[in-house]
Amino acid sequence: MIGSPEHFHQLEKSLARKLGIAAFQSGLQVLRNDRGWRENEISIDYIWMVTIDHSYSGEGGIFAIKYKESKFREKVNPGELVQGIFTNKDEISQIYTETGTTDLRGIFDFNLFEGSQGITLDGVSYTIRISGQNIDTFISLSNPNTDSWKKWEAEIWALGNRMALASGNKEMINLFQ
């Protein structure tokens, strides 16, 4: 079922494979080759993903991973922020990434208990996964209609739209318009 924790877990696995990381979580990760031998160790400061199920435009999402600078044997892993968008059904079918400089943690400044008495009918639902040093959470919401959630939603769509246009991918552009 779309939006369920099980569906989201499958997307996390798919995204981790596409990005070459061991798991969709923060902390130290050991990267192994196809023979199971240790090839590298990376450290993730934080990682987040927001999936979007838009009734009229399809499914996809947006994510960011903040890597810590680290060394493993002769390899030096830079501390960088990787941002991206993707389209999906059950697996991630298309992905676009870029190395960013904008720290996006500030967009997650919303009131979890704030709600609106009215309804909205824009047909959009979101699933949010955040993994950091002191947090590992999963949030599911539909049609946010309060000031703090609308601000969050505008930031997600602005970033997604910018990256979709940069990707030149019609499916991604259609999702984030």
C-alpha atoms as a PDB file:
ATOM      1  CA  MET A   1       0.000   0.000   0.000  1.00  0.00           C
ATOM      2  CA  ILE A   2       1.358   3.425  -0.973  1.00  0.00           C
ATOM      3  CA  GLY A   3       2.257   5.510   2.072  1.00  0.00           C
ATOM      4  CA  SER A   4       2.562   2.496   4.356  1.00  0.00           C
ATOM      5  CA  PRO A   5       5.752   1.922   6.337  1.00  0.00           C
ATOM      6  CA  GLU A   6       6.360  -1.281   4.339  1.00  0.00           C
ATOM      7  CA  HIS A   7       6.117   0.529   0.979  1.00  0.00           C
ATOM      8  CA  PHE A   8       8.359   3.289   2.279  1.00  0.00           C
ATOM      9  CA  HIS A   9      10.928   0.747   3.523  1.00  0.00           C
ATOM     10  CA  GLN A  10      11.105  -0.720   0.002  1.00  0.00           C
ATOM     11  CA  LEU A  11      11.776   2.773  -1.387  1.00  0.00           C
ATOM     12  CA  GLU A  12      14.520   3.300   1.197  1.00  0.00           C
ATOM     13  CA  LYS A  13      16.234   0.083   0.095  1.00  0.00           C
ATOM     14  CA  SER A  14      15.893   1.040  -3.561  1.00  0.00           C
ATOM     15  CA  LEU A  15      17.289   4.541  -2.955  1.00  0.00           C
ATOM     16  CA  ALA A  16      20.211   3.194  -0.896  1.00  0.00           C
ATOM     17  CA  ARG A  17      21.113   0.808  -3.757  1.00  0.00           C
ATOM     18  CA  LYS A  18      20.893   3.614  -6.341  1.00  0.00           C
ATOM     19  CA  LEU A  19      23.126   5.861  -4.215  1.00  0.00           C
ATOM     20  CA  GLY A  20      25.657   3.168  -3.331  1.00  0.00           C
ATOM     21  CA  ILE A  21      25.140   3.344   0.421  1.00  0.00           C
ATOM     22  CA  ALA A  22      24.620   0.387   2.742  1.00  0.00           C
ATOM     23  CA  ALA A  23      21.341   1.590   4.290  1.00  0.00           C
ATOM     24  CA  PHE A  24      19.085   4.615   4.480  1.00  0.00           C
ATOM     25  CA  GLN A  25      20.228   5.798   7.907  1.00  0.00           C
ATOM     26  CA  SER A  26      22.678   8.107   9.577  1.00  0.00           C
ATOM     27  CA  GLY A  27      25.896   6.962  11.220  1.00  0.00           C
ATOM     28  CA  LEU A  28      28.844   4.851  10.150  1.00  0.00           C
ATOM     29  CA  GLN A  29      28.256   2.561   7.165  1.00  0.00           C
ATOM     30  CA  VAL A  30      30.528  -0.160   5.837  1.00  0.00           C
ATOM     31  CA  LEU A  31      30.431  -0.449   2.051  1.00  0.00           C
ATOM     32  CA  ARG A  32      31.195  -3.884   0.642  1.00  0.00           C
ATOM     33  CA  ASN A  33      31.829  -5.151  -2.880  1.00  0.00           C
ATOM     34  CA  ASP A  34      29.977  -8.025  -4.562  1.00  0.00           C
ATOM     35  CA  ARG A  35      32.278 -10.523  -2.820  1.00  0.00           C
ATOM     36  CA  GLY A  36      31.447  -9.070   0.605  1.00  0.00           C
ATOM     37  CA  TRP A  37      34.824  -7.444   1.124  1.00  0.00           C
ATOM     38  CA  ARG A  38      35.040  -4.088   2.842  1.00  0.00           C
ATOM     39  CA  GLU A  39      35.717  -1.385   0.244  1.00  0.00           C
ATOM     40  CA  ASN A  40      35.009   1.779   2.153  1.00  0.00           C
ATOM     41  CA  GLU A  41      33.504   3.256   5.295  1.00  0.00           C
ATOM     42  CA  ILE A  42      31.409   6.391   5.152  1.00  0.00           C
ATOM     43  CA  SER A  43      29.761   8.452   7.828  1.00  0.00           C
ATOM     44  CA  ILE A  44      26.375  10.087   7.320  1.00  0.00           C
ATOM     45  CA  ASP A  45      25.510  13.040   9.542  1.00  0.00           C
ATOM     46  CA  TYR A  46      21.842  13.071   8.558  1.00  0.00           C
ATOM     47  CA  ILE A  47      19.611  11.794   5.802  1.00  0.00           C
ATOM     48  CA  TRP A  48      16.018  12.574   4.938  1.00  0.00           C
ATOM     49  CA  MET A  49      13.520  11.679   2.265  1.00  0.00           C
ATOM     50  CA  VAL A  50      10.038  12.919   1.448  1.00  0.00           C
ATOM     51  CA  THR A  51       7.876  10.842  -0.848  1.00  0.00           C
ATOM     52  CA  ILE A  52       5.100  12.517  -2.780  1.00  0.00           C
ATOM     53  CA  ASP A  53       1.985  10.775  -4.011  1.00  0.00           C
ATOM     54  CA  HIS A  54       0.269  13.294  -6.256  1.00  0.00           C
ATOM     55  CA  SER A  55      -3.096  12.022  -7.487  1.00  0.00           C
ATOM     56  CA  TYR A  56      -2.739  13.708 -10.857  1.00  0.00           C
ATOM     57  CA  SER A  57       1.025  13.596 -11.540  1.00  0.00           C
ATOM     58  CA  GLY A  58       2.385  10.322 -10.179  1.00  0.00           C
ATOM     59  CA  GLU A  59       4.741   9.297  -7.409  1.00  0.00           C
ATOM     60  CA  GLY A  60       8.235  10.384  -6.532  1.00  0.00           C
ATOM     61  CA  GLY A  61      10.245  12.101  -3.899  1.00  0.00           C
ATOM     62  CA  ILE A  62      13.060  14.303  -2.786  1.00  0.00           C
ATOM     63  CA  PHE A  63      15.978  13.599  -0.458  1.00  0.00           C
ATOM     64  CA  ALA A  64      19.176  14.954   1.055  1.00  0.00           C
ATOM     65  CA  ILE A  65      22.190  13.202   2.548  1.00  0.00           C
ATOM     66  CA  LYS A  66      24.835  15.046   4.548  1.00  0.00           C
ATOM     67  CA  TYR A  67      28.073  13.064   4.528  1.00  0.00           C
ATOM     68  CA  LYS A  68      30.756  13.704   7.135  1.00  0.00           C
ATOM     69  CA  GLU A  69      34.345  13.917   5.959  1.00  0.00           C
ATOM     70  CA  SER A  70      36.035  10.595   6.668  1.00  0.00           C
ATOM     71  CA  LYS A  71      38.992   8.450   5.690  1.00  0.00           C
ATOM     72  CA  PHE A  72      39.179   4.743   5.052  1.00  0.00           C
ATOM     73  CA  ARG A  73      42.580   3.338   4.180  1.00  0.00           C
ATOM     74  CA  GLU A  74      43.705   5.333   1.129  1.00  0.00           C
ATOM     75  CA  LYS A  75      40.239   6.747   0.421  1.00  0.00           C
ATOM     76  CA  VAL A  76      39.207  10.216   1.519  1.00  0.00           C
ATOM     77  CA  ASN A  77      35.442  10.719   1.597  1.00  0.00           C
ATOM     78  CA  PRO A  78      34.494  14.398   1.365  1.00  0.00           C
ATOM     79  CA  GLY A  79      31.989  15.989   3.693  1.00  0.00           C
ATOM     80  CA  GLU A  80      29.261  17.040   1.281  1.00  0.00           C
ATOM     81  CA  LEU A  81      25.538  17.449   0.898  1.00  0.00           C
ATOM     82  CA  VAL A  82      23.912  15.380  -1.850  1.00  0.00           C
ATOM     83  CA  GLN A  83      20.367  16.302  -2.831  1.00  0.00           C
ATOM     84  CA  GLY A  84      18.121  14.616  -5.319  1.00  0.00           C
ATOM     85  CA  ILE A  85      14.722  13.765  -6.660  1.00  0.00           C
ATOM     86  CA  PHE A  86      13.268  10.545  -8.011  1.00  0.00           C
ATOM     87  CA  THR A  87      10.213   8.975  -9.578  1.00  0.00           C
ATOM     88  CA  ASN A  88       8.902   5.620  -8.499  1.00  0.00           C
ATOM     89  CA  LYS A  89       6.239   2.977  -8.418  1.00  0.00           C
ATOM     90  CA  ASP A  90       7.423   0.169  -6.142  1.00  0.00           C
ATOM     91  CA  GLU A  91      11.087   0.775  -6.940  1.00  0.00           C
ATOM     92  CA  ILE A  92      12.872   3.993  -7.793  1.00  0.00           C
ATOM     93  CA  SER A  93      12.850   4.151 -11.578  1.00  0.00           C
ATOM     94  CA  GLN A  94      14.608   7.462 -12.281  1.00  0.00           C
ATOM     95  CA  ILE A  95      16.888   9.547 -10.099  1.00  0.00           C
ATOM     96  CA  TYR A  96      18.614  12.908 -10.391  1.00  0.00           C
ATOM     97  CA  THR A  97      21.243  14.049  -7.882  1.00  0.00           C
ATOM     98  CA  GLU A  98      23.412  17.069  -7.337  1.00  0.00           C
ATOM     99  CA  THR A  99      25.939  18.131  -4.762  1.00  0.00           C
ATOM    100  CA  GLY A 100      24.426  21.002  -2.856  1.00  0.00           C
ATOM    101  CA  THR A 101      25.550  23.699  -0.546  1.00  0.00           C
ATOM    102  CA  THR A 102      22.200  24.607   0.992  1.00  0.00           C
ATOM    103  CA  ASP A 103      21.606  23.061   4.397  1.00  0.00           C
ATOM    104  CA  LEU A 104      17.933  22.153   4.319  1.00  0.00           C
ATOM    105  CA  ARG A 105      17.421  21.016   7.889  1.00  0.00           C
ATOM    106  CA  GLY A 106      15.606  24.290   8.626  1.00  0.00           C
ATOM    107  CA  ILE A 107      12.630  23.341   6.463  1.00  0.00           C
ATOM    108  CA  PHE A 108      11.595  20.774   9.060  1.00  0.00           C
ATOM    109  CA  ASP A 109      10.432  23.486  11.457  1.00  0.00           C
ATOM    110  CA  PHE A 110       6.770  22.660  11.902  1.00  0.00           C
ATOM    111  CA  ASN A 111       4.323  21.937  14.668  1.00  0.00           C
ATOM    112  CA  LEU A 112       3.564  18.219  14.703  1.00  0.00           C
ATOM    113  CA  PHE A 113       0.296  18.726  16.577  1.00  0.00           C
ATOM    114  CA  GLU A 114      -1.035  21.670  14.590  1.00  0.00           C
ATOM    115  CA  GLY A 115      -4.025  20.787  12.467  1.00  0.00           C
ATOM    116  CA  SER A 116      -6.704  22.473  10.453  1.00  0.00           C
ATOM    117  CA  GLN A 117     -10.433  21.959  10.966  1.00  0.00           C
ATOM    118  CA  GLY A 118     -11.091  22.423   7.248  1.00  0.00           C
ATOM    119  CA  ILE A 119     -10.249  20.104   4.402  1.00  0.00           C
ATOM    120  CA  THR A 120      -8.191  20.569   1.281  1.00  0.00           C
ATOM    121  CA  LEU A 121      -8.642  18.618  -1.887  1.00  0.00           C
ATOM    122  CA  ASP A 122      -5.306  18.932  -3.680  1.00  0.00           C
ATOM    123  CA  GLY A 123      -4.776  15.162  -3.680  1.00  0.00           C
ATOM    124  CA  VAL A 124      -1.222  15.155  -2.314  1.00  0.00           C
ATOM    125  CA  SER A 125       0.116  12.919   0.429  1.00  0.00           C
ATOM    126  CA  TYR A 126       3.601  12.851   1.850  1.00  0.00           C
ATOM    127  CA  THR A 127       5.707  10.424   3.789  1.00  0.00           C
ATOM    128  CA  ILE A 128       8.727  11.834   5.588  1.00  0.00           C
ATOM    129  CA  ARG A 129      11.711   9.889   6.903  1.00  0.00           C
ATOM    130  CA  ILE A 130      14.406  11.649   8.897  1.00  0.00           C
ATOM    131  CA  SER A 131      17.469   9.905  10.325  1.00  0.00           C
ATOM    132  CA  GLY A 132      20.035  11.880  12.283  1.00  0.00           C
ATOM    133  CA  GLN A 133      22.221  11.654  15.320  1.00  0.00           C
ATOM    134  CA  ASN A 134      19.328  12.025  17.766  1.00  0.00           C
ATOM    135  CA  ILE A 135      16.291  11.221  15.643  1.00  0.00           C
ATOM    136  CA  ASP A 136      14.925   8.432  13.506  1.00  0.00           C
ATOM    137  CA  THR A 137      11.338   9.114  12.525  1.00  0.00           C
ATOM    138  CA  PHE A 138       8.648   8.352   9.983  1.00  0.00           C
ATOM    139  CA  ILE A 139       5.749  10.791   9.401  1.00  0.00           C
ATOM    140  CA  SER A 140       2.811  10.402   7.046  1.00  0.00           C
ATOM    141  CA  LEU A 141       0.486  13.278   6.167  1.00  0.00           C
ATOM    142  CA  SER A 142      -2.033  14.356   3.555  1.00  0.00           C
ATOM    143  CA  ASN A 143      -3.008  17.769   2.255  1.00  0.00           C
ATOM    144  CA  PRO A 144      -1.237  19.953   4.851  1.00  0.00           C
ATOM    145  CA  ASN A 145      -3.284  23.060   5.521  1.00  0.00           C
ATOM    146  CA  THR A 146      -1.677  25.042   8.339  1.00  0.00           C
ATOM    147  CA  ASP A 147       0.876  27.843   8.147  1.00  0.00           C
ATOM    148  CA  SER A 148       3.915  25.845   9.301  1.00  0.00           C
ATOM    149  CA  TRP A 149       3.087  22.858   7.101  1.00  0.00           C
ATOM    150  CA  LYS A 150       2.316  25.081   4.086  1.00  0.00           C
ATOM    151  CA  LYS A 151       5.734  26.740   4.502  1.00  0.00           C
ATOM    152  CA  TRP A 152       7.365  23.285   4.613  1.00  0.00           C
ATOM    153  CA  GLU A 153       5.389  22.162   1.566  1.00  0.00           C
ATOM    154  CA  ALA A 154       6.398  25.278  -0.422  1.00  0.00           C
ATOM    155  CA  GLU A 155      10.096  24.611   0.315  1.00  0.00           C
ATOM    156  CA  ILE A 156       9.821  20.960  -0.774  1.00  0.00           C
ATOM    157  CA  TRP A 157       8.081  21.893  -4.029  1.00  0.00           C
ATOM    158  CA  ALA A 158      10.479  24.764  -4.796  1.00  0.00           C
ATOM    159  CA  LEU A 159      13.529  22.518  -4.350  1.00  0.00           C
ATOM    160  CA  GLY A 160      11.909  19.666  -6.271  1.00  0.00           C
ATOM    161  CA  ASN A 161      10.882  21.960  -9.123  1.00  0.00           C
ATOM    162  CA  ARG A 162      14.371  23.466  -9.400  1.00  0.00           C
ATOM    163  CA  MET A 163      16.013  20.037  -9.533  1.00  0.00           C
ATOM    164  CA  ALA A 164      13.387  18.655 -11.941  1.00  0.00           C
ATOM    165  CA  LEU A 165      14.055  21.493 -14.377  1.00  0.00           C
ATOM    166  CA  ALA A 166      17.817  20.926 -14.027  1.00  0.00           C
ATOM    167  CA  SER A 167      17.337  17.209 -14.751  1.00  0.00           C
ATOM    168  CA  GLY A 168      15.495  17.866 -18.008  1.00  0.00           C
ATOM    169  CA  ASN A 169      13.430  14.717 -17.282  1.00  0.00           C
ATOM    170  CA  LYS A 170       9.803  15.181 -18.376  1.00  0.00           C
ATOM    171  CA  GLU A 171       8.385  12.783 -15.783  1.00  0.00           C
ATOM    172  CA  MET A 172      10.205  14.584 -12.948  1.00  0.00           C
ATOM    173  CA  ILE A 173       9.182  18.003 -14.289  1.00  0.00           C
ATOM    174  CA  ASN A 174       5.557  16.847 -14.490  1.00  0.00           C
ATOM    175  CA  LEU A 175       5.647  15.574 -10.887  1.00  0.00           C
ATOM    176  CA  PHE A 176       7.128  18.764  -9.408  1.00  0.00           C
ATOM    177  CA  GLN A 177       5.161  21.392 -11.366  1.00  0.00           C
END
